[in-house]
């Protein structure tokens, strides 16, 4: 018997569109993906800072943070990683429905998992941001020593070493985090959002 047989979705009295109107901007999911050390979390928080400064209602879901609570029961096998991303996708969908700009920072190495999250959201409201940095740059930045441990065999199924990373084939945004500055990458994302009329940009980019 299906676990969904005796439950149904309850629609609230406040619509997503009403929340967006009150907030003064659209709600959507910015999904940062890339290798460990590619700068996903740093960039996600910088983008949030710029958007928040402009009056946007935002929240960052960070890979390490969710494993302290929501996903603390999961390991790092392919199956557990798939479940980790599924849970984050469902949470992101709910938060976007609440009118927020949801910013995620997860390696999310498998295309099928990212595509699954995209399918949960209305067209155009899943914005995939590929943080593109060469493996050697990510290893140089590795303050936790994870790549070294992975190469020594101490961390099994480590993305980029013993487990594959499937780069997006057609992401909405590619930021070259191994080459460009943090602010250059952050403003590239913000400019895209403004051009798509997802936000109204009132604070001008420095030296623009």
N, C-alpha and C. Protein backbone atom coordinates (compact mmCIF):
# COMPACT_ATOMS: atom_id res chain seq x y z
N UNK A 1 0.85 -1.20 0.00
CA UNK A 1 0.00 0.00 0.00
C UNK A 1 0.88 1.25 0.00
N UNK A 2 0.58 2.19 -0.86
CA UNK A 2 1.35 3.42 -0.95
C UNK A 2 1.19 4.26 0.32
N UNK A 3 2.30 4.84 0.77
CA UNK A 3 2.24 5.72 1.95
C UNK A 3 1.49 7.01 1.64
N UNK A 4 1.28 7.31 0.35
CA UNK A 4 0.59 8.53 -0.05
C UNK A 4 -0.92 8.33 -0.19
N UNK A 5 -1.38 7.12 0.00
CA UNK A 5 -2.78 6.81 -0.31
C UNK A 5 -3.75 7.59 0.57
N UNK A 6 -3.39 7.79 1.82
CA UNK A 6 -4.32 8.41 2.77
C UNK A 6 -3.95 9.84 3.16
N UNK A 7 -3.11 10.46 2.36
CA UNK A 7 -2.75 11.85 2.65
C UNK A 7 -2.99 12.69 1.40
N UNK A 8 -3.18 13.97 1.61
CA UNK A 8 -3.37 14.86 0.46
C UNK A 8 -2.72 16.20 0.74
N UNK A 9 -2.44 16.92 -0.34
CA UNK A 9 -1.78 18.23 -0.22
C UNK A 9 -2.83 19.28 0.16
N UNK A 10 -2.52 20.07 1.19
CA UNK A 10 -3.42 21.13 1.62
C UNK A 10 -2.92 22.47 1.09
N UNK A 11 -3.72 23.13 0.30
CA UNK A 11 -3.36 24.44 -0.25
C UNK A 11 -3.67 25.52 0.79
N UNK A 12 -2.71 26.43 0.98
CA UNK A 12 -2.91 27.52 1.93
C UNK A 12 -3.77 28.63 1.34
N UNK A 13 -4.15 29.58 2.18
CA UNK A 13 -4.98 30.69 1.75
C UNK A 13 -4.14 31.85 1.20
N UNK A 14 -2.83 31.83 1.49
CA UNK A 14 -1.93 32.87 0.98
C UNK A 14 -1.13 32.26 -0.17
N UNK A 15 -1.27 32.82 -1.35
CA UNK A 15 -0.62 32.25 -2.53
C UNK A 15 0.85 32.66 -2.60
N UNK A 16 1.57 31.90 -3.37
CA UNK A 16 2.97 32.24 -3.64
C UNK A 16 3.07 33.61 -4.30
N UNK A 17 2.15 33.89 -5.21
CA UNK A 17 2.17 35.17 -5.90
C UNK A 17 1.95 36.33 -4.93
N UNK A 18 1.10 36.12 -3.94
CA UNK A 18 0.86 37.16 -2.93
C UNK A 18 2.11 37.39 -2.09
N UNK A 19 2.82 36.33 -1.77
CA UNK A 19 4.06 36.46 -1.00
C UNK A 19 5.11 37.21 -1.82
N UNK A 20 5.19 36.86 -3.11
CA UNK A 20 6.16 37.54 -3.97
C UNK A 20 5.83 39.03 -4.09
N UNK A 21 4.55 39.36 -4.20
CA UNK A 21 4.15 40.76 -4.29
C UNK A 21 4.52 41.51 -3.02
N UNK A 22 4.31 40.89 -1.88
CA UNK A 22 4.68 41.53 -0.61
C UNK A 22 6.19 41.72 -0.49
N UNK A 23 6.93 40.73 -0.97
CA UNK A 23 8.39 40.80 -0.90
C UNK A 23 8.99 41.77 -1.91
N UNK A 24 8.28 41.97 -3.02
CA UNK A 24 8.80 42.86 -4.06
C UNK A 24 9.77 42.19 -5.00
N UNK A 25 9.79 40.85 -5.01
CA UNK A 25 10.65 40.12 -5.95
C UNK A 25 10.10 38.71 -6.13
N UNK A 26 10.53 38.06 -7.18
CA UNK A 26 10.15 36.68 -7.44
C UNK A 26 10.86 35.75 -6.46
N UNK A 27 10.30 34.57 -6.30
CA UNK A 27 10.99 33.53 -5.52
C UNK A 27 11.51 32.48 -6.49
N UNK A 28 12.67 31.92 -6.16
CA UNK A 28 13.31 30.95 -7.04
C UNK A 28 14.43 30.27 -6.27
N UNK A 29 15.06 29.29 -6.92
CA UNK A 29 16.17 28.55 -6.32
C UNK A 29 17.42 28.78 -7.15
N UNK A 30 18.46 29.28 -6.48
CA UNK A 30 19.79 29.39 -7.07
C UNK A 30 20.60 28.19 -6.60
N UNK A 31 20.94 27.30 -7.51
CA UNK A 31 21.59 26.06 -7.13
C UNK A 31 23.07 26.08 -7.56
N UNK A 32 23.95 26.32 -6.59
CA UNK A 32 25.39 26.33 -6.87
C UNK A 32 25.93 24.91 -6.80
N UNK A 33 26.61 24.48 -7.84
CA UNK A 33 27.19 23.15 -7.90
C UNK A 33 28.64 23.25 -8.37
N UNK A 34 29.46 22.32 -7.91
CA UNK A 34 30.86 22.31 -8.29
C UNK A 34 31.66 21.44 -7.34
N UNK A 35 32.90 21.24 -7.67
CA UNK A 35 33.78 20.42 -6.85
C UNK A 35 33.96 21.00 -5.45
N UNK A 36 34.36 20.15 -4.51
CA UNK A 36 34.76 20.64 -3.20
C UNK A 36 35.94 21.60 -3.38
N UNK A 37 35.85 22.77 -2.78
CA UNK A 37 36.90 23.77 -2.94
C UNK A 37 36.71 24.71 -4.10
N UNK A 38 35.61 24.55 -4.85
CA UNK A 38 35.37 25.43 -6.00
C UNK A 38 34.85 26.80 -5.59
N UNK A 39 34.48 26.96 -4.32
CA UNK A 39 34.03 28.27 -3.85
C UNK A 39 32.52 28.43 -3.79
N UNK A 40 31.79 27.33 -3.76
CA UNK A 40 30.33 27.39 -3.78
C UNK A 40 29.77 28.14 -2.57
N UNK A 41 30.17 27.73 -1.38
CA UNK A 41 29.62 28.34 -0.17
C UNK A 41 30.01 29.81 -0.05
N UNK A 42 31.27 30.09 -0.32
CA UNK A 42 31.74 31.48 -0.24
C UNK A 42 30.97 32.36 -1.20
N UNK A 43 30.78 31.88 -2.42
CA UNK A 43 30.06 32.66 -3.43
C UNK A 43 28.58 32.77 -3.08
N UNK A 44 27.99 31.68 -2.61
CA UNK A 44 26.56 31.71 -2.25
C UNK A 44 26.29 32.76 -1.19
N UNK A 45 27.15 32.83 -0.18
CA UNK A 45 26.95 33.80 0.89
C UNK A 45 27.21 35.23 0.41
N UNK A 46 28.12 35.40 -0.52
CA UNK A 46 28.37 36.74 -1.05
C UNK A 46 27.18 37.20 -1.90
N UNK A 47 26.63 36.30 -2.71
CA UNK A 47 25.44 36.64 -3.50
C UNK A 47 24.29 36.99 -2.56
N UNK A 48 24.11 36.19 -1.51
CA UNK A 48 23.05 36.49 -0.55
C UNK A 48 23.24 37.88 0.06
N UNK A 49 24.47 38.21 0.40
CA UNK A 49 24.75 39.53 0.99
C UNK A 49 24.33 40.64 0.05
N UNK A 50 24.64 40.50 -1.23
CA UNK A 50 24.29 41.54 -2.21
C UNK A 50 22.77 41.63 -2.37
N UNK A 51 22.10 40.48 -2.42
CA UNK A 51 20.65 40.49 -2.58
C UNK A 51 19.95 41.02 -1.33
N UNK A 52 20.43 40.62 -0.17
CA UNK A 52 19.83 41.08 1.08
C UNK A 52 19.98 42.59 1.23
N UNK A 53 21.13 43.09 0.82
CA UNK A 53 21.38 44.53 0.86
C UNK A 53 20.39 45.29 -0.02
N UNK A 54 19.86 44.60 -1.02
CA UNK A 54 18.88 45.20 -1.94
C UNK A 54 17.45 44.96 -1.48
N UNK A 55 17.29 44.39 -0.29
CA UNK A 55 15.95 44.20 0.25
C UNK A 55 15.31 42.87 -0.07
N UNK A 56 16.06 41.93 -0.65
CA UNK A 56 15.51 40.62 -0.98
C UNK A 56 15.46 39.73 0.25
N UNK A 57 14.47 38.86 0.28
CA UNK A 57 14.34 37.88 1.36
C UNK A 57 14.98 36.58 0.89
N UNK A 58 16.05 36.21 1.56
CA UNK A 58 16.91 35.13 1.08
C UNK A 58 17.24 34.16 2.22
N UNK A 59 17.72 32.97 1.82
CA UNK A 59 18.30 32.05 2.79
C UNK A 59 19.24 31.11 2.05
N UNK A 60 20.42 30.86 2.68
CA UNK A 60 21.41 29.94 2.12
C UNK A 60 21.30 28.59 2.81
N UNK A 61 21.15 27.54 2.01
CA UNK A 61 21.26 26.17 2.49
C UNK A 61 22.65 25.66 2.11
N UNK A 62 23.46 25.41 3.12
CA UNK A 62 24.86 25.03 2.92
C UNK A 62 25.03 23.53 3.17
N UNK A 63 25.89 22.91 2.37
CA UNK A 63 26.07 21.47 2.44
C UNK A 63 26.46 20.96 3.82
N UNK A 64 27.43 21.59 4.46
CA UNK A 64 27.85 21.16 5.79
C UNK A 64 26.76 21.40 6.83
N UNK A 65 26.08 22.53 6.73
CA UNK A 65 25.09 22.89 7.74
C UNK A 65 23.93 21.90 7.81
N UNK A 66 23.43 21.47 6.65
CA UNK A 66 22.26 20.60 6.69
C UNK A 66 22.60 19.22 7.24
N UNK A 67 23.86 18.85 7.18
CA UNK A 67 24.27 17.56 7.72
C UNK A 67 24.39 17.59 9.25
N UNK A 68 24.27 18.76 9.84
CA UNK A 68 24.21 18.83 11.30
C UNK A 68 22.84 18.46 11.83
N UNK A 69 21.82 18.51 10.97
CA UNK A 69 20.46 18.26 11.44
C UNK A 69 19.65 17.45 10.48
N UNK A 70 19.11 18.09 9.45
CA UNK A 70 18.19 17.45 8.52
C UNK A 70 18.76 16.17 7.93
N UNK A 71 20.03 16.17 7.59
CA UNK A 71 20.63 15.02 6.91
C UNK A 71 21.74 14.36 7.73
N UNK A 72 21.66 14.48 9.04
CA UNK A 72 22.72 13.94 9.89
C UNK A 72 22.77 12.42 9.86
N UNK A 73 21.71 11.78 9.42
CA UNK A 73 21.66 10.32 9.37
C UNK A 73 22.27 9.76 8.09
N UNK A 74 22.72 10.62 7.18
CA UNK A 74 23.22 10.18 5.88
C UNK A 74 24.73 10.16 5.83
N UNK A 75 25.27 9.21 5.08
CA UNK A 75 26.69 9.16 4.83
C UNK A 75 27.02 9.79 3.48
N UNK A 76 28.06 9.28 2.82
CA UNK A 76 28.51 9.87 1.57
C UNK A 76 28.56 8.86 0.43
N UNK A 77 27.85 7.77 0.58
CA UNK A 77 27.72 6.84 -0.54
C UNK A 77 26.88 7.49 -1.63
N UNK A 78 26.89 6.92 -2.82
CA UNK A 78 26.09 7.47 -3.92
C UNK A 78 24.62 7.52 -3.55
N UNK A 79 24.13 6.47 -2.86
CA UNK A 79 22.72 6.42 -2.47
C UNK A 79 22.41 7.50 -1.44
N UNK A 80 23.29 7.67 -0.46
CA UNK A 80 23.07 8.69 0.57
C UNK A 80 23.17 10.09 -0.01
N UNK A 81 24.06 10.29 -0.94
CA UNK A 81 24.17 11.60 -1.58
C UNK A 81 22.91 11.92 -2.37
N UNK A 82 22.37 10.92 -3.03
CA UNK A 82 21.13 11.12 -3.77
C UNK A 82 20.00 11.52 -2.83
N UNK A 83 19.90 10.85 -1.69
CA UNK A 83 18.87 11.17 -0.71
C UNK A 83 19.10 12.55 -0.10
N UNK A 84 20.35 12.90 0.14
CA UNK A 84 20.70 14.23 0.67
C UNK A 84 20.17 15.32 -0.26
N UNK A 85 20.44 15.18 -1.55
CA UNK A 85 20.01 16.19 -2.52
C UNK A 85 18.50 16.17 -2.68
N UNK A 86 17.87 14.99 -2.61
CA UNK A 86 16.41 14.93 -2.70
C UNK A 86 15.77 15.73 -1.56
N UNK A 87 16.27 15.54 -0.36
CA UNK A 87 15.71 16.27 0.79
C UNK A 87 15.89 17.77 0.63
N UNK A 88 17.08 18.17 0.20
CA UNK A 88 17.34 19.60 0.02
C UNK A 88 16.44 20.17 -1.08
N UNK A 89 16.23 19.40 -2.12
CA UNK A 89 15.35 19.85 -3.19
C UNK A 89 13.93 20.07 -2.70
N UNK A 90 13.42 19.13 -1.91
CA UNK A 90 12.06 19.29 -1.37
C UNK A 90 11.98 20.49 -0.43
N UNK A 91 13.01 20.69 0.38
CA UNK A 91 13.03 21.85 1.27
C UNK A 91 13.11 23.15 0.46
N UNK A 92 13.92 23.15 -0.58
CA UNK A 92 14.05 24.34 -1.42
C UNK A 92 12.72 24.69 -2.07
N UNK A 93 11.99 23.67 -2.52
CA UNK A 93 10.69 23.90 -3.13
C UNK A 93 9.74 24.57 -2.15
N UNK A 94 9.70 24.09 -0.92
CA UNK A 94 8.82 24.68 0.10
C UNK A 94 9.22 26.12 0.41
N UNK A 95 10.52 26.36 0.52
CA UNK A 95 11.00 27.70 0.86
C UNK A 95 10.72 28.68 -0.28
N UNK A 96 10.84 28.21 -1.51
CA UNK A 96 10.50 29.07 -2.65
C UNK A 96 9.01 29.36 -2.66
N UNK A 97 8.20 28.37 -2.30
CA UNK A 97 6.76 28.58 -2.22
C UNK A 97 6.42 29.60 -1.15
N UNK A 98 7.27 29.72 -0.13
CA UNK A 98 7.09 30.71 0.93
C UNK A 98 7.51 32.11 0.49
N UNK A 99 8.02 32.23 -0.75
CA UNK A 99 8.36 33.53 -1.29
C UNK A 99 9.82 33.90 -1.18
N UNK A 100 10.66 32.96 -0.76
CA UNK A 100 12.07 33.27 -0.55
C UNK A 100 12.91 33.02 -1.80
N UNK A 101 14.04 33.69 -1.85
CA UNK A 101 15.10 33.34 -2.79
C UNK A 101 15.98 32.33 -2.06
N UNK A 102 15.97 31.10 -2.53
CA UNK A 102 16.69 30.01 -1.87
C UNK A 102 18.03 29.83 -2.60
N UNK A 103 19.11 29.88 -1.84
CA UNK A 103 20.45 29.77 -2.40
C UNK A 103 21.09 28.52 -1.80
N UNK A 104 21.45 27.55 -2.64
CA UNK A 104 22.04 26.32 -2.13
C UNK A 104 23.49 26.20 -2.56
N UNK A 105 24.28 25.53 -1.73
CA UNK A 105 25.70 25.30 -2.03
C UNK A 105 26.02 23.84 -1.73
N UNK A 106 25.90 23.00 -2.75
CA UNK A 106 26.13 21.56 -2.62
C UNK A 106 26.95 21.07 -3.80
N UNK A 107 27.86 20.16 -3.54
CA UNK A 107 28.58 19.55 -4.66
C UNK A 107 27.58 18.99 -5.66
N UNK A 108 26.57 18.27 -5.15
CA UNK A 108 25.52 17.65 -5.98
C UNK A 108 26.12 17.12 -7.28
N UNK A 109 26.92 16.05 -7.18
CA UNK A 109 27.76 15.65 -8.31
C UNK A 109 27.04 15.01 -9.49
N UNK A 110 25.79 14.55 -9.27
CA UNK A 110 25.12 13.78 -10.31
C UNK A 110 24.04 14.59 -11.02
N UNK A 111 24.10 14.59 -12.34
CA UNK A 111 23.15 15.39 -13.15
C UNK A 111 21.71 14.98 -12.88
N UNK A 112 21.46 13.68 -12.76
CA UNK A 112 20.07 13.22 -12.61
C UNK A 112 19.45 13.80 -11.33
N UNK A 113 20.26 13.95 -10.30
CA UNK A 113 19.75 14.51 -9.05
C UNK A 113 19.42 15.99 -9.21
N UNK A 114 20.30 16.73 -9.86
CA UNK A 114 20.04 18.16 -10.09
C UNK A 114 18.84 18.34 -11.01
N UNK A 115 18.76 17.49 -12.04
CA UNK A 115 17.61 17.58 -12.95
C UNK A 115 16.31 17.24 -12.23
N UNK A 116 16.40 16.34 -11.26
CA UNK A 116 15.21 16.01 -10.48
C UNK A 116 14.70 17.20 -9.68
N UNK A 117 15.62 17.99 -9.13
CA UNK A 117 15.22 19.21 -8.40
C UNK A 117 14.61 20.21 -9.37
N UNK A 118 15.20 20.35 -10.53
CA UNK A 118 14.66 21.27 -11.54
C UNK A 118 13.21 20.92 -11.87
N UNK A 119 12.92 19.63 -11.94
CA UNK A 119 11.57 19.19 -12.31
C UNK A 119 10.54 19.48 -11.22
N UNK A 120 10.99 19.75 -10.00
CA UNK A 120 10.06 20.05 -8.91
C UNK A 120 9.51 21.47 -8.99
N UNK A 121 10.23 22.33 -9.70
CA UNK A 121 9.92 23.75 -9.69
C UNK A 121 9.32 24.21 -11.01
N UNK A 122 8.54 25.30 -10.99
CA UNK A 122 8.03 25.85 -12.24
C UNK A 122 9.18 26.22 -13.19
N UNK A 123 8.91 26.19 -14.46
CA UNK A 123 9.93 26.50 -15.46
C UNK A 123 10.57 27.86 -15.18
N UNK A 124 11.88 27.90 -15.24
CA UNK A 124 12.61 29.14 -15.06
C UNK A 124 12.93 29.50 -13.62
N UNK A 125 12.50 28.67 -12.67
CA UNK A 125 12.70 29.01 -11.26
C UNK A 125 13.75 28.15 -10.58
N UNK A 126 14.41 27.30 -11.34
CA UNK A 126 15.61 26.58 -10.89
C UNK A 126 16.76 27.11 -11.71
N UNK A 127 17.67 27.80 -11.06
CA UNK A 127 18.78 28.45 -11.77
C UNK A 127 20.07 27.76 -11.33
N UNK A 128 20.62 26.98 -12.25
CA UNK A 128 21.82 26.20 -11.96
C UNK A 128 23.06 27.05 -12.21
N UNK A 129 23.90 27.14 -11.19
CA UNK A 129 25.13 27.93 -11.28
C UNK A 129 26.31 27.00 -11.13
N UNK A 130 27.05 26.80 -12.20
CA UNK A 130 28.22 25.92 -12.16
C UNK A 130 29.44 26.72 -11.72
N UNK A 131 29.95 26.39 -10.56
CA UNK A 131 31.20 26.99 -10.07
C UNK A 131 32.35 26.19 -10.68
N UNK A 132 32.89 26.71 -11.75
CA UNK A 132 33.86 25.99 -12.56
C UNK A 132 35.28 26.35 -12.12
N UNK A 133 35.94 25.41 -11.46
CA UNK A 133 37.32 25.60 -11.03
C UNK A 133 38.08 24.30 -11.30
N UNK A 134 39.28 24.37 -11.85
CA UNK A 134 40.05 23.15 -12.12
C UNK A 134 40.33 22.37 -10.83
N UNK A 135 40.44 21.06 -10.96
CA UNK A 135 40.69 20.20 -9.80
C UNK A 135 41.94 20.64 -9.05
N UNK A 136 42.99 21.00 -9.79
CA UNK A 136 44.24 21.37 -9.11
C UNK A 136 44.07 22.64 -8.27
N UNK A 137 43.23 23.56 -8.72
CA UNK A 137 42.96 24.76 -7.93
C UNK A 137 42.18 24.39 -6.66
N UNK A 138 41.19 23.53 -6.81
CA UNK A 138 40.41 23.10 -5.66
C UNK A 138 41.29 22.40 -4.63
N UNK A 139 42.23 21.60 -5.09
CA UNK A 139 43.14 20.92 -4.16
C UNK A 139 44.04 21.92 -3.44
N UNK A 140 44.48 22.95 -4.13
CA UNK A 140 45.33 23.96 -3.50
C UNK A 140 44.58 24.74 -2.42
N UNK A 141 43.28 24.89 -2.59
CA UNK A 141 42.47 25.64 -1.63
C UNK A 141 41.99 24.79 -0.45
N UNK A 142 42.27 23.52 -0.47
CA UNK A 142 41.66 22.57 0.45
C UNK A 142 42.23 22.70 1.86
N UNK A 143 41.64 23.59 2.66
CA UNK A 143 42.14 23.84 4.02
C UNK A 143 41.83 22.66 4.94
N UNK A 144 40.84 21.84 4.61
CA UNK A 144 40.48 20.68 5.45
C UNK A 144 41.36 19.47 5.17
N UNK A 145 42.12 19.52 4.09
CA UNK A 145 42.96 18.38 3.74
C UNK A 145 42.20 17.18 3.21
N UNK A 146 40.99 17.42 2.70
CA UNK A 146 40.14 16.32 2.26
C UNK A 146 40.69 15.63 1.01
N UNK A 147 41.20 16.42 0.08
CA UNK A 147 41.73 15.82 -1.15
C UNK A 147 42.93 14.94 -0.83
N UNK A 148 43.79 15.40 0.06
CA UNK A 148 44.97 14.61 0.44
C UNK A 148 44.52 13.28 1.05
N UNK A 149 43.53 13.35 1.95
CA UNK A 149 43.02 12.13 2.58
C UNK A 149 42.40 11.21 1.53
N UNK A 150 41.69 11.80 0.59
CA UNK A 150 41.05 10.99 -0.46
C UNK A 150 42.10 10.29 -1.32
N UNK A 151 43.15 11.01 -1.66
CA UNK A 151 44.21 10.41 -2.48
C UNK A 151 44.96 9.32 -1.72
N UNK A 152 44.96 9.41 -0.39
CA UNK A 152 45.58 8.37 0.44
C UNK A 152 44.64 7.20 0.69
N UNK A 153 43.39 7.32 0.21
CA UNK A 153 42.42 6.26 0.39
C UNK A 153 41.66 6.31 1.69
N UNK A 154 41.87 7.40 2.46
CA UNK A 154 41.22 7.51 3.77
C UNK A 154 39.77 7.94 3.66
N UNK A 155 39.40 8.58 2.55
CA UNK A 155 38.01 8.99 2.32
C UNK A 155 37.53 8.32 1.04
N UNK A 156 36.69 7.30 1.17
CA UNK A 156 36.19 6.63 -0.04
C UNK A 156 35.13 7.47 -0.74
N UNK A 157 34.96 7.22 -2.02
CA UNK A 157 33.91 7.87 -2.83
C UNK A 157 33.96 9.39 -2.71
N UNK A 158 35.15 9.95 -2.86
CA UNK A 158 35.32 11.40 -2.77
C UNK A 158 35.23 12.00 -4.16
N UNK A 159 34.34 12.96 -4.32
CA UNK A 159 34.07 13.54 -5.64
C UNK A 159 35.33 14.17 -6.24
N UNK A 160 35.60 13.81 -7.48
CA UNK A 160 36.76 14.33 -8.19
C UNK A 160 37.98 13.44 -8.10
N UNK A 161 37.98 12.53 -7.12
CA UNK A 161 39.11 11.62 -6.95
C UNK A 161 38.66 10.18 -7.20
N UNK A 162 37.80 9.67 -6.35
CA UNK A 162 37.35 8.28 -6.47
C UNK A 162 35.87 8.18 -6.83
N UNK A 163 35.22 9.30 -7.00
CA UNK A 163 33.82 9.35 -7.42
C UNK A 163 33.68 10.48 -8.42
N UNK A 164 32.87 10.31 -9.46
CA UNK A 164 32.83 11.31 -10.54
C UNK A 164 32.05 12.56 -10.16
N UNK A 165 32.41 13.65 -10.81
CA UNK A 165 31.59 14.86 -10.79
C UNK A 165 31.08 15.08 -12.20
N UNK A 166 29.77 15.11 -12.35
CA UNK A 166 29.14 15.30 -13.66
C UNK A 166 28.78 16.77 -13.81
N UNK A 167 29.61 17.49 -14.54
CA UNK A 167 29.39 18.93 -14.71
C UNK A 167 28.09 19.18 -15.46
N UNK A 168 27.40 20.28 -15.16
CA UNK A 168 26.17 20.61 -15.89
C UNK A 168 26.42 20.74 -17.38
N UNK A 169 25.47 20.28 -18.17
CA UNK A 169 25.59 20.38 -19.62
C UNK A 169 25.10 21.72 -20.14
N UNK A 170 24.09 22.29 -19.49
CA UNK A 170 23.52 23.56 -19.94
C UNK A 170 23.06 24.38 -18.74
N UNK A 171 24.00 24.77 -17.87
CA UNK A 171 23.61 25.57 -16.71
C UNK A 171 23.19 26.97 -17.13
N UNK A 172 22.36 27.59 -16.33
CA UNK A 172 21.97 28.98 -16.61
C UNK A 172 23.18 29.92 -16.49
N UNK A 173 24.06 29.63 -15.55
CA UNK A 173 25.22 30.50 -15.30
C UNK A 173 26.45 29.63 -15.09
N UNK A 174 27.57 30.03 -15.68
CA UNK A 174 28.87 29.44 -15.38
C UNK A 174 29.76 30.54 -14.82
N UNK A 175 30.25 30.35 -13.61
CA UNK A 175 31.18 31.30 -13.01
C UNK A 175 32.54 30.62 -12.87
N UNK A 176 33.57 31.30 -13.31
CA UNK A 176 34.91 30.71 -13.30
C UNK A 176 35.59 31.07 -11.98
N UNK A 177 35.22 30.31 -10.95
CA UNK A 177 35.69 30.62 -9.60
C UNK A 177 37.16 30.31 -9.40
N UNK A 178 37.77 29.57 -10.31
CA UNK A 178 39.20 29.32 -10.22
C UNK A 178 40.02 30.43 -10.83
N UNK A 179 39.35 31.36 -11.51
CA UNK A 179 40.06 32.41 -12.25
C UNK A 179 39.64 33.80 -11.82
N UNK A 180 38.33 34.03 -11.67
CA UNK A 180 37.82 35.37 -11.41
C UNK A 180 37.69 35.63 -9.92
N UNK A 181 37.60 36.91 -9.54
CA UNK A 181 37.48 37.27 -8.13
C UNK A 181 36.09 36.92 -7.61
N UNK A 182 35.99 36.87 -6.29
CA UNK A 182 34.71 36.57 -5.65
C UNK A 182 33.65 37.58 -6.07
N UNK A 183 33.98 38.87 -6.02
CA UNK A 183 32.98 39.88 -6.37
C UNK A 183 32.62 39.85 -7.85
N UNK A 184 33.58 39.56 -8.71
CA UNK A 184 33.26 39.43 -10.14
C UNK A 184 32.24 38.32 -10.36
N UNK A 185 32.45 37.19 -9.68
CA UNK A 185 31.53 36.06 -9.83
C UNK A 185 30.16 36.38 -9.23
N UNK A 186 30.16 37.03 -8.06
CA UNK A 186 28.90 37.35 -7.40
C UNK A 186 28.08 38.33 -8.23
N UNK A 187 28.71 39.34 -8.77
CA UNK A 187 27.98 40.31 -9.57
C UNK A 187 27.52 39.71 -10.90
N UNK A 188 28.25 38.72 -11.42
CA UNK A 188 27.80 38.03 -12.62
C UNK A 188 26.45 37.35 -12.36
N UNK A 189 26.31 36.74 -11.19
CA UNK A 189 25.05 36.09 -10.83
C UNK A 189 23.95 37.12 -10.65
N UNK A 190 24.24 38.20 -9.93
CA UNK A 190 23.24 39.23 -9.65
C UNK A 190 22.79 39.90 -10.94
N UNK A 191 23.70 40.17 -11.84
CA UNK A 191 23.33 40.77 -13.12
C UNK A 191 22.39 39.86 -13.91
N UNK A 192 22.65 38.57 -13.87
CA UNK A 192 21.77 37.62 -14.56
C UNK A 192 20.36 37.69 -14.00
N UNK A 193 20.25 37.71 -12.67
CA UNK A 193 18.94 37.76 -12.04
C UNK A 193 18.19 39.04 -12.40
N UNK A 194 18.92 40.15 -12.43
CA UNK A 194 18.31 41.43 -12.79
C UNK A 194 17.87 41.43 -14.25
N UNK A 195 18.70 40.86 -15.12
CA UNK A 195 18.37 40.82 -16.54
C UNK A 195 17.13 39.96 -16.80
N UNK A 196 16.95 38.93 -15.98
CA UNK A 196 15.77 38.07 -16.10
C UNK A 196 14.56 38.66 -15.39
N UNK A 197 14.73 39.83 -14.78
CA UNK A 197 13.67 40.52 -14.05
C UNK A 197 13.13 39.70 -12.87
N UNK A 198 14.03 38.89 -12.31
CA UNK A 198 13.68 38.15 -11.09
C UNK A 198 13.86 39.03 -9.86
N UNK A 199 14.75 40.00 -9.97
CA UNK A 199 14.96 41.00 -8.92
C UNK A 199 15.04 42.37 -9.57
N UNK A 200 14.87 43.40 -8.75
CA UNK A 200 15.10 44.77 -9.20
C UNK A 200 16.35 45.26 -8.51
N UNK A 201 17.35 45.58 -9.28
CA UNK A 201 18.66 45.95 -8.74
C UNK A 201 18.71 47.44 -8.47
N UNK A 202 18.78 47.82 -7.19
CA UNK A 202 18.84 49.24 -6.84
C UNK A 202 20.26 49.67 -6.49
N UNK A 203 21.04 48.75 -5.88
CA UNK A 203 22.45 49.05 -5.58
C UNK A 203 23.28 48.75 -6.80
N UNK A 204 24.01 49.73 -7.28
CA UNK A 204 24.78 49.55 -8.49
C UNK A 204 26.08 48.80 -8.20
N UNK A 205 26.51 48.08 -9.21
CA UNK A 205 27.77 47.36 -9.12
C UNK A 205 28.92 48.37 -9.04
N UNK A 206 29.90 48.12 -8.16
CA UNK A 206 31.04 49.02 -8.07
C UNK A 206 31.74 49.15 -9.42
N UNK A 207 32.07 50.38 -9.77
CA UNK A 207 32.79 50.71 -11.01
C UNK A 207 31.99 50.36 -12.27
N UNK A 208 30.67 50.17 -12.10
CA UNK A 208 29.85 49.83 -13.28
C UNK A 208 29.65 51.06 -14.15
